Amino acid sequence: VGQTFDGISIVYQDDVISGLDDYVKTHKIDILALFIPARRLWERLFHSSVSQRMVYHSTTPLLIFHE
């Protein structure tokens, strides 16, 4: 409560998961919000999900929004 939005940060990293993890640790983030877009069956079978990998990797609480 009483927090303000400081802006948007762009992080360049080869791996999305390690980039998010580094950012969370560096900036002492309390919670990470992720948006999960709707995918068709074909996309779910052949494309990895960043949000699903974060669920198993992150030690930071996640707030996940489904489309």
C-alpha atoms as a PDB file:
ATOM      1  CA  VAL A   1       0.000   0.000   0.000  1.00  0.00           C
ATOM      2  CA  GLY A   2       1.328   3.433  -0.865  1.00  0.00           C
ATOM      3  CA  GLN A   3       3.795   2.031  -3.422  1.00  0.00           C
ATOM      4  CA  THR A   4       4.325   3.844  -6.697  1.00  0.00           C
ATOM      5  CA  PHE A   5       5.256   2.476 -10.098  1.00  0.00           C
ATOM      6  CA  ASP A   6       8.853   3.398 -10.922  1.00  0.00           C
ATOM      7  CA  GLY A   7       8.810   2.456 -14.580  1.00  0.00           C
ATOM      8  CA  ILE A   8       9.646  -0.373 -16.919  1.00  0.00           C
ATOM      9  CA  SER A   9      12.963  -2.183 -17.001  1.00  0.00           C
ATOM     10  CA  ILE A  10      14.280  -3.988 -20.052  1.00  0.00           C
ATOM     11  CA  VAL A  11      16.625  -6.877 -19.312  1.00  0.00           C
ATOM     12  CA  TYR A  12      18.766  -8.480 -22.004  1.00  0.00           C
ATOM     13  CA  GLN A  13      19.669 -12.090 -21.281  1.00  0.00           C
ATOM     14  CA  ASP A  14      20.113 -15.193 -23.442  1.00  0.00           C
ATOM     15  CA  ASP A  15      17.814 -17.239 -21.201  1.00  0.00           C
ATOM     16  CA  VAL A  16      14.500 -15.735 -20.063  1.00  0.00           C
ATOM     17  CA  ILE A  17      14.414 -17.705 -16.805  1.00  0.00           C
ATOM     18  CA  SER A  18      17.918 -16.724 -15.700  1.00  0.00           C
ATOM     19  CA  GLY A  19      17.230 -13.108 -16.727  1.00  0.00           C
ATOM     20  CA  LEU A  20      14.081 -12.957 -14.609  1.00  0.00           C
ATOM     21  CA  ASP A  21      15.839 -14.709 -11.736  1.00  0.00           C
ATOM     22  CA  ASP A  22      18.778 -12.259 -11.832  1.00  0.00           C
ATOM     23  CA  TYR A  23      16.430  -9.260 -11.973  1.00  0.00           C
ATOM     24  CA  VAL A  24      14.350 -10.528  -9.040  1.00  0.00           C
ATOM     25  CA  LYS A  25      17.474 -11.082  -6.913  1.00  0.00           C
ATOM     26  CA  THR A  26      19.130  -7.777  -7.877  1.00  0.00           C
ATOM     27  CA  HIS A  27      16.053  -5.622  -7.242  1.00  0.00           C
ATOM     28  CA  LYS A  28      14.713  -7.585  -4.237  1.00  0.00           C
ATOM     29  CA  ILE A  29      11.330  -8.226  -5.871  1.00  0.00           C
ATOM     30  CA  ASP A  30       8.623  -9.527  -3.488  1.00  0.00           C
ATOM     31  CA  ILE A  31       6.272 -11.028  -6.088  1.00  0.00           C
ATOM     32  CA  LEU A  32       6.494 -11.661  -9.816  1.00  0.00           C
ATOM     33  CA  ALA A  33       3.395 -11.349 -12.022  1.00  0.00           C
ATOM     34  CA  LEU A  34       3.242 -13.396 -15.225  1.00  0.00           C
ATOM     35  CA  PHE A  35       0.649 -13.375 -17.996  1.00  0.00           C
ATOM     36  CA  ILE A  36      -0.134 -16.692 -19.708  1.00  0.00           C
ATOM     37  CA  PRO A  37      -1.598 -16.287 -23.195  1.00  0.00           C
ATOM     38  CA  ALA A  38      -4.068 -18.855 -24.503  1.00  0.00           C
ATOM     39  CA  ARG A  39      -2.384 -21.455 -26.714  1.00  0.00           C
ATOM     40  CA  ARG A  40      -3.703 -23.968 -29.152  1.00  0.00           C
ATOM     41  CA  LEU A  41      -2.896 -27.664 -28.728  1.00  0.00           C
ATOM     42  CA  TRP A  42      -0.122 -27.540 -31.335  1.00  0.00           C
ATOM     43  CA  GLU A  43       1.582 -24.627 -29.572  1.00  0.00           C
ATOM     44  CA  ARG A  44       1.335 -26.324 -26.176  1.00  0.00           C
ATOM     45  CA  LEU A  45       2.982 -29.465 -27.555  1.00  0.00           C
ATOM     46  CA  PHE A  46       5.928 -27.813 -29.302  1.00  0.00           C
ATOM     47  CA  HIS A  47       6.636 -24.532 -27.489  1.00  0.00           C
ATOM     48  CA  SER A  48       8.011 -24.254 -23.988  1.00  0.00           C
ATOM     49  CA  SER A  49       6.183 -22.138 -21.448  1.00  0.00           C
ATOM     50  CA  VAL A  50       8.218 -19.541 -19.560  1.00  0.00           C
ATOM     51  CA  SER A  51       5.577 -19.315 -16.855  1.00  0.00           C
ATOM     52  CA  GLN A  52       5.519 -23.082 -16.346  1.00  0.00           C
ATOM     53  CA  ARG A  53       9.318 -23.179 -16.073  1.00  0.00           C
ATOM     54  CA  MET A  54       9.205 -20.285 -13.583  1.00  0.00           C
ATOM     55  CA  VAL A  55       6.741 -22.191 -11.378  1.00  0.00           C
ATOM     56  CA  TYR A  56       9.354 -24.912 -10.865  1.00  0.00           C
ATOM     57  CA  HIS A  57      12.403 -22.633 -10.767  1.00  0.00           C
ATOM     58  CA  SER A  58      11.462 -19.457  -8.908  1.00  0.00           C
ATOM     59  CA  THR A  59      11.787 -19.018  -5.162  1.00  0.00           C
ATOM     60  CA  THR A  60       9.805 -15.762  -5.456  1.00  0.00           C
ATOM     61  CA  PRO A  61       5.996 -15.968  -5.156  1.00  0.00           C
ATOM     62  CA  LEU A  62       4.254 -15.819  -8.537  1.00  0.00           C
ATOM     63  CA  LEU A  63       0.974 -14.169  -9.485  1.00  0.00           C
ATOM     64  CA  ILE A  64      -0.178 -15.756 -12.736  1.00  0.00           C
ATOM     65  CA  PHE A  65      -2.872 -14.296 -14.990  1.00  0.00           C
ATOM     66  CA  HIS A  66      -4.520 -16.591 -17.557  1.00  0.00           C
ATOM     67  CA  GLU A  67      -5.925 -15.247 -20.821  1.00  0.00           C
END
